[in-house]
Amino acid sequence: MIPLPANVRVWLATGHTDMRKGFSSLGLIVQETLKRDPHGGHLFVFRGRRGDLIKVIWHDGQGACLYTKRLDRGRFLWPSVADGAVTISTAQLGYLLSGIDWRMPQESWRPSALG
């Protein structure tokens, strides 16, 4: 993933989105539905109806970026809210993109005390 500035927020557009849309159409959703500025430097994440495809739009100050990921197996975990947006951290976005439950990630291993 591209390194992001520390003050970047990640917005998940709840519900499902038509994945045929490109940056301009998704930017319009950000502007009209989420009431955010699509050129403000934040990331906006959209999920398709089947749940195996997401698109992320981001304006880095020089131009628009569109990132797409489709899972071979499984689905991206998504908030159940029908309309609106949910904000998550960039670390949670990393989990989401890896297909891990970003809401409550579990440590798989904890070092034992040295004796």
N, C-alpha and C. Protein backbone atom coordinates (compact mmCIF):
# COMPACT_ATOMS: atom_id res chain seq x y z
N MET A 1 0.85 -1.18 0.00
CA MET A 1 0.00 0.00 0.00
C MET A 1 0.89 1.23 0.00
N ILE A 2 0.40 2.29 -0.54
CA ILE A 2 1.12 3.55 -0.61
C ILE A 2 1.17 4.17 0.79
N PRO A 3 2.32 4.67 1.23
CA PRO A 3 2.38 5.30 2.56
C PRO A 3 1.49 6.54 2.59
N LEU A 4 0.71 6.66 3.65
CA LEU A 4 -0.24 7.76 3.78
C LEU A 4 0.18 8.71 4.89
N PRO A 5 -0.12 9.99 4.76
CA PRO A 5 0.16 10.93 5.85
C PRO A 5 -0.60 10.53 7.11
N ALA A 6 -0.08 10.91 8.26
CA ALA A 6 -0.66 10.52 9.55
C ALA A 6 -2.07 11.04 9.76
N ASN A 7 -2.40 12.18 9.18
CA ASN A 7 -3.71 12.78 9.45
C ASN A 7 -4.80 12.31 8.49
N VAL A 8 -4.53 11.32 7.66
CA VAL A 8 -5.51 10.82 6.70
C VAL A 8 -6.57 10.01 7.43
N ARG A 9 -7.83 10.25 7.06
CA ARG A 9 -8.94 9.46 7.60
C ARG A 9 -9.42 8.51 6.51
N VAL A 10 -9.93 7.38 6.94
CA VAL A 10 -10.45 6.37 6.03
C VAL A 10 -11.95 6.27 6.27
N TRP A 11 -12.72 6.48 5.23
CA TRP A 11 -14.18 6.44 5.31
C TRP A 11 -14.70 5.24 4.54
N LEU A 12 -15.50 4.40 5.19
CA LEU A 12 -16.17 3.29 4.52
C LEU A 12 -17.57 3.76 4.16
N ALA A 13 -17.90 3.73 2.88
CA ALA A 13 -19.26 4.05 2.44
C ALA A 13 -20.12 2.83 2.71
N THR A 14 -21.02 2.93 3.67
CA THR A 14 -21.82 1.77 4.07
C THR A 14 -22.80 1.41 2.96
N GLY A 15 -23.37 0.23 3.08
CA GLY A 15 -24.24 -0.28 2.03
C GLY A 15 -23.39 -0.85 0.91
N HIS A 16 -23.98 -0.97 -0.27
CA HIS A 16 -23.22 -1.47 -1.41
C HIS A 16 -23.25 -0.43 -2.53
N THR A 17 -22.23 -0.51 -3.37
CA THR A 17 -22.04 0.46 -4.44
C THR A 17 -21.92 -0.29 -5.77
N ASP A 18 -22.39 0.34 -6.83
CA ASP A 18 -22.24 -0.20 -8.18
C ASP A 18 -20.76 -0.14 -8.54
N MET A 19 -20.13 -1.28 -8.69
CA MET A 19 -18.69 -1.33 -8.93
C MET A 19 -18.30 -1.00 -10.37
N ARG A 20 -19.25 -0.66 -11.21
CA ARG A 20 -18.93 -0.18 -12.54
C ARG A 20 -18.49 1.29 -12.51
N LYS A 21 -18.71 1.95 -11.38
CA LYS A 21 -18.39 3.37 -11.25
C LYS A 21 -16.88 3.58 -11.18
N GLY A 22 -16.43 4.70 -11.74
CA GLY A 22 -15.03 5.10 -11.69
C GLY A 22 -14.84 6.23 -10.71
N PHE A 23 -13.67 6.91 -10.79
CA PHE A 23 -13.37 7.95 -9.83
C PHE A 23 -14.39 9.08 -9.84
N SER A 24 -14.79 9.54 -11.00
CA SER A 24 -15.73 10.67 -11.06
C SER A 24 -17.06 10.34 -10.41
N SER A 25 -17.62 9.18 -10.71
CA SER A 25 -18.90 8.78 -10.14
C SER A 25 -18.80 8.51 -8.64
N LEU A 26 -17.70 7.86 -8.22
CA LEU A 26 -17.50 7.62 -6.79
C LEU A 26 -17.26 8.93 -6.06
N GLY A 27 -16.52 9.84 -6.69
CA GLY A 27 -16.30 11.16 -6.09
C GLY A 27 -17.59 11.93 -5.90
N LEU A 28 -18.52 11.77 -6.81
CA LEU A 28 -19.83 12.40 -6.68
C LEU A 28 -20.60 11.83 -5.50
N ILE A 29 -20.49 10.51 -5.27
CA ILE A 29 -21.11 9.89 -4.10
C ILE A 29 -20.50 10.46 -2.82
N VAL A 30 -19.17 10.60 -2.81
CA VAL A 30 -18.49 11.17 -1.64
C VAL A 30 -19.03 12.58 -1.37
N GLN A 31 -19.15 13.36 -2.41
CA GLN A 31 -19.57 14.75 -2.27
C GLN A 31 -21.04 14.87 -1.88
N GLU A 32 -21.93 14.15 -2.55
CA GLU A 32 -23.36 14.34 -2.34
C GLU A 32 -23.93 13.50 -1.21
N THR A 33 -23.51 12.26 -1.09
CA THR A 33 -24.08 11.37 -0.08
C THR A 33 -23.33 11.45 1.24
N LEU A 34 -22.00 11.39 1.18
CA LEU A 34 -21.20 11.39 2.41
C LEU A 34 -20.90 12.79 2.90
N LYS A 35 -21.17 13.81 2.06
CA LYS A 35 -20.94 15.22 2.41
C LYS A 35 -19.48 15.48 2.77
N ARG A 36 -18.58 14.91 1.99
CA ARG A 36 -17.13 15.07 2.17
C ARG A 36 -16.52 15.58 0.87
N ASP A 37 -15.29 16.06 0.95
CA ASP A 37 -14.57 16.54 -0.22
C ASP A 37 -13.72 15.39 -0.78
N PRO A 38 -14.02 14.91 -1.98
CA PRO A 38 -13.25 13.80 -2.53
C PRO A 38 -11.81 14.18 -2.87
N HIS A 39 -11.49 15.47 -2.89
CA HIS A 39 -10.13 15.94 -3.19
C HIS A 39 -9.40 16.39 -1.92
N GLY A 40 -9.94 16.07 -0.76
CA GLY A 40 -9.39 16.52 0.51
C GLY A 40 -8.25 15.69 1.06
N GLY A 41 -7.86 14.62 0.39
CA GLY A 41 -6.73 13.81 0.84
C GLY A 41 -7.10 12.61 1.69
N HIS A 42 -8.40 12.41 1.95
CA HIS A 42 -8.83 11.25 2.72
C HIS A 42 -9.15 10.09 1.78
N LEU A 43 -9.21 8.87 2.32
CA LEU A 43 -9.54 7.69 1.54
C LEU A 43 -11.01 7.36 1.71
N PHE A 44 -11.63 6.97 0.62
CA PHE A 44 -13.04 6.58 0.64
C PHE A 44 -13.15 5.19 0.03
N VAL A 45 -13.73 4.26 0.80
CA VAL A 45 -13.76 2.85 0.43
C VAL A 45 -15.20 2.44 0.14
N PHE A 46 -15.40 1.74 -0.97
CA PHE A 46 -16.71 1.29 -1.41
C PHE A 46 -16.67 -0.22 -1.62
N ARG A 47 -17.79 -0.88 -1.31
CA ARG A 47 -17.88 -2.33 -1.49
C ARG A 47 -19.01 -2.68 -2.43
N GLY A 48 -18.81 -3.67 -3.27
CA GLY A 48 -19.83 -4.13 -4.20
C GLY A 48 -20.88 -4.98 -3.50
N ARG A 49 -21.93 -5.28 -4.23
CA ARG A 49 -23.07 -6.04 -3.69
C ARG A 49 -22.66 -7.43 -3.21
N ARG A 50 -21.82 -8.14 -3.98
CA ARG A 50 -21.41 -9.49 -3.58
C ARG A 50 -20.45 -9.50 -2.41
N GLY A 51 -19.76 -8.40 -2.16
CA GLY A 51 -18.87 -8.31 -1.02
C GLY A 51 -17.44 -8.75 -1.26
N ASP A 52 -17.13 -9.20 -2.48
CA ASP A 52 -15.77 -9.66 -2.74
C ASP A 52 -14.91 -8.62 -3.45
N LEU A 53 -15.47 -7.43 -3.71
CA LEU A 53 -14.76 -6.38 -4.44
C LEU A 53 -14.90 -5.06 -3.71
N ILE A 54 -13.77 -4.36 -3.55
CA ILE A 54 -13.81 -3.01 -3.00
C ILE A 54 -13.04 -2.07 -3.93
N LYS A 55 -13.40 -0.79 -3.84
CA LYS A 55 -12.67 0.26 -4.53
C LYS A 55 -12.37 1.35 -3.52
N VAL A 56 -11.15 1.88 -3.61
CA VAL A 56 -10.70 2.96 -2.73
C VAL A 56 -10.32 4.13 -3.62
N ILE A 57 -10.88 5.32 -3.32
CA ILE A 57 -10.45 6.51 -4.04
C ILE A 57 -9.69 7.41 -3.08
N TRP A 58 -8.70 8.09 -3.62
CA TRP A 58 -7.84 8.96 -2.83
C TRP A 58 -7.25 10.01 -3.75
N HIS A 59 -7.29 11.25 -3.31
CA HIS A 59 -6.63 12.33 -4.06
C HIS A 59 -5.39 12.71 -3.27
N ASP A 60 -4.21 12.52 -3.86
CA ASP A 60 -2.96 12.72 -3.14
C ASP A 60 -2.41 14.14 -3.24
N GLY A 61 -3.18 15.06 -3.81
CA GLY A 61 -2.72 16.43 -3.97
C GLY A 61 -2.23 16.71 -5.38
N GLN A 62 -1.88 15.66 -6.08
CA GLN A 62 -1.43 15.81 -7.47
C GLN A 62 -2.42 15.21 -8.45
N GLY A 63 -3.16 14.23 -8.00
CA GLY A 63 -4.11 13.57 -8.88
C GLY A 63 -4.92 12.54 -8.13
N ALA A 64 -5.86 11.97 -8.84
CA ALA A 64 -6.78 11.00 -8.26
C ALA A 64 -6.24 9.59 -8.41
N CYS A 65 -6.37 8.80 -7.35
CA CYS A 65 -5.95 7.41 -7.35
C CYS A 65 -7.18 6.53 -7.14
N LEU A 66 -7.26 5.44 -7.88
CA LEU A 66 -8.34 4.48 -7.72
C LEU A 66 -7.72 3.10 -7.53
N TYR A 67 -7.95 2.52 -6.37
CA TYR A 67 -7.40 1.21 -6.02
C TYR A 67 -8.56 0.22 -5.99
N THR A 68 -8.40 -0.92 -6.61
CA THR A 68 -9.43 -1.95 -6.64
C THR A 68 -8.83 -3.27 -6.16
N LYS A 69 -9.62 -4.00 -5.33
CA LYS A 69 -9.18 -5.32 -4.88
C LYS A 69 -10.36 -6.26 -4.87
N ARG A 70 -10.14 -7.45 -5.43
CA ARG A 70 -11.14 -8.50 -5.42
C ARG A 70 -10.54 -9.70 -4.69
N LEU A 71 -11.28 -10.23 -3.72
CA LEU A 71 -10.83 -11.42 -3.00
C LEU A 71 -11.11 -12.67 -3.83
N ASP A 72 -10.16 -13.60 -3.84
CA ASP A 72 -10.37 -14.88 -4.52
C ASP A 72 -11.39 -15.73 -3.77
N ARG A 73 -11.33 -15.65 -2.42
CA ARG A 73 -12.28 -16.39 -1.58
C ARG A 73 -12.73 -15.47 -0.47
N GLY A 74 -13.95 -15.65 -0.03
CA GLY A 74 -14.48 -14.89 1.09
C GLY A 74 -15.01 -13.53 0.67
N ARG A 75 -15.33 -12.73 1.69
CA ARG A 75 -15.91 -11.40 1.49
C ARG A 75 -15.25 -10.40 2.42
N PHE A 76 -15.28 -9.16 2.00
CA PHE A 76 -14.80 -8.09 2.86
C PHE A 76 -15.85 -7.84 3.94
N LEU A 77 -15.41 -7.74 5.20
CA LEU A 77 -16.34 -7.45 6.29
C LEU A 77 -16.73 -5.99 6.23
N TRP A 78 -18.03 -5.73 6.39
CA TRP A 78 -18.56 -4.39 6.16
C TRP A 78 -19.55 -4.02 7.24
N PRO A 79 -19.62 -2.75 7.62
CA PRO A 79 -20.62 -2.33 8.62
C PRO A 79 -22.04 -2.61 8.11
N SER A 80 -22.94 -2.89 9.03
CA SER A 80 -24.31 -3.23 8.64
C SER A 80 -25.19 -2.00 8.44
N VAL A 81 -24.70 -0.82 8.73
CA VAL A 81 -25.48 0.41 8.55
C VAL A 81 -25.82 0.54 7.07
N ALA A 82 -27.08 0.88 6.76
CA ALA A 82 -27.53 0.93 5.36
C ALA A 82 -27.01 2.14 4.60
N ASP A 83 -27.05 3.32 5.21
CA ASP A 83 -26.63 4.54 4.52
C ASP A 83 -25.64 5.31 5.38
N GLY A 84 -24.73 6.03 4.73
CA GLY A 84 -23.79 6.86 5.46
C GLY A 84 -22.37 6.36 5.33
N ALA A 85 -21.57 6.70 6.34
CA ALA A 85 -20.16 6.32 6.32
C ALA A 85 -19.68 6.02 7.72
N VAL A 86 -18.67 5.18 7.80
CA VAL A 86 -18.02 4.82 9.04
C VAL A 86 -16.55 5.12 8.85
N THR A 87 -15.91 5.73 9.84
CA THR A 87 -14.49 6.01 9.74
C THR A 87 -13.70 4.94 10.48
N ILE A 88 -12.58 4.51 9.87
CA ILE A 88 -11.69 3.53 10.48
C ILE A 88 -10.27 4.06 10.39
N SER A 89 -9.36 3.45 11.12
CA SER A 89 -7.96 3.85 11.09
C SER A 89 -7.26 3.25 9.88
N THR A 90 -6.08 3.76 9.56
CA THR A 90 -5.32 3.19 8.45
C THR A 90 -4.88 1.76 8.78
N ALA A 91 -4.63 1.47 10.07
CA ALA A 91 -4.28 0.10 10.46
C ALA A 91 -5.47 -0.84 10.21
N GLN A 92 -6.68 -0.40 10.54
CA GLN A 92 -7.86 -1.20 10.28
C GLN A 92 -8.07 -1.40 8.77
N LEU A 93 -7.73 -0.39 7.97
CA LEU A 93 -7.80 -0.53 6.52
C LEU A 93 -6.86 -1.64 6.05
N GLY A 94 -5.68 -1.71 6.63
CA GLY A 94 -4.74 -2.79 6.29
C GLY A 94 -5.34 -4.16 6.56
N TYR A 95 -6.01 -4.30 7.71
CA TYR A 95 -6.69 -5.56 8.02
C TYR A 95 -7.78 -5.84 7.00
N LEU A 96 -8.59 -4.82 6.72
CA LEU A 96 -9.69 -4.97 5.77
C LEU A 96 -9.19 -5.46 4.42
N LEU A 97 -8.13 -4.83 3.91
CA LEU A 97 -7.59 -5.20 2.61
C LEU A 97 -7.00 -6.61 2.61
N SER A 98 -6.62 -7.11 3.79
CA SER A 98 -6.08 -8.47 3.91
C SER A 98 -7.17 -9.51 4.16
N GLY A 99 -8.42 -9.07 4.24
CA GLY A 99 -9.51 -10.00 4.50
C GLY A 99 -9.64 -10.39 5.96
N ILE A 100 -9.03 -9.63 6.86
CA ILE A 100 -9.07 -9.90 8.30
C ILE A 100 -10.18 -9.06 8.92
N ASP A 101 -10.83 -9.58 9.96
CA ASP A 101 -11.88 -8.83 10.65
C ASP A 101 -11.27 -7.59 11.29
N TRP A 102 -11.46 -6.44 10.70
CA TRP A 102 -10.86 -5.19 11.15
C TRP A 102 -11.53 -4.66 12.41
N ARG A 103 -12.72 -5.17 12.76
CA ARG A 103 -13.45 -4.65 13.92
C ARG A 103 -12.83 -5.11 15.23
N MET A 104 -12.32 -6.35 15.28
CA MET A 104 -11.71 -6.89 16.49
C MET A 104 -10.59 -7.86 16.11
N PRO A 105 -9.47 -7.35 15.60
CA PRO A 105 -8.38 -8.27 15.24
C PRO A 105 -7.83 -8.96 16.49
N GLN A 106 -7.48 -10.20 16.33
CA GLN A 106 -6.97 -10.99 17.44
C GLN A 106 -5.47 -11.23 17.27
N GLU A 107 -4.75 -11.13 18.37
CA GLU A 107 -3.33 -11.49 18.33
C GLU A 107 -3.24 -12.99 18.15
N SER A 108 -2.42 -13.41 17.23
CA SER A 108 -2.27 -14.85 17.00
C SER A 108 -1.15 -15.45 17.83
N TRP A 109 -0.29 -14.60 18.35
CA TRP A 109 0.84 -15.09 19.13
C TRP A 109 1.29 -14.00 20.07
N ARG A 110 1.61 -14.35 21.28
CA ARG A 110 2.11 -13.40 22.26
C ARG A 110 3.40 -13.98 22.82
N PRO A 111 4.47 -13.20 22.84
CA PRO A 111 5.74 -13.75 23.37
C PRO A 111 5.61 -14.10 24.84
N SER A 112 6.25 -15.19 25.24
CA SER A 112 6.23 -15.58 26.64
C SER A 112 7.38 -14.85 27.37
N ALA A 113 7.25 -14.74 28.66
CA ALA A 113 8.28 -14.09 29.47
C ALA A 113 9.55 -14.94 29.47
N LEU A 114 10.66 -14.24 29.40
CA LEU A 114 11.94 -14.94 29.46
C LEU A 114 12.24 -15.30 30.90
N GLY A 115 12.66 -16.50 31.12
CA GLY A 115 12.85 -16.94 32.50
C GLY A 115 14.20 -17.15 32.85
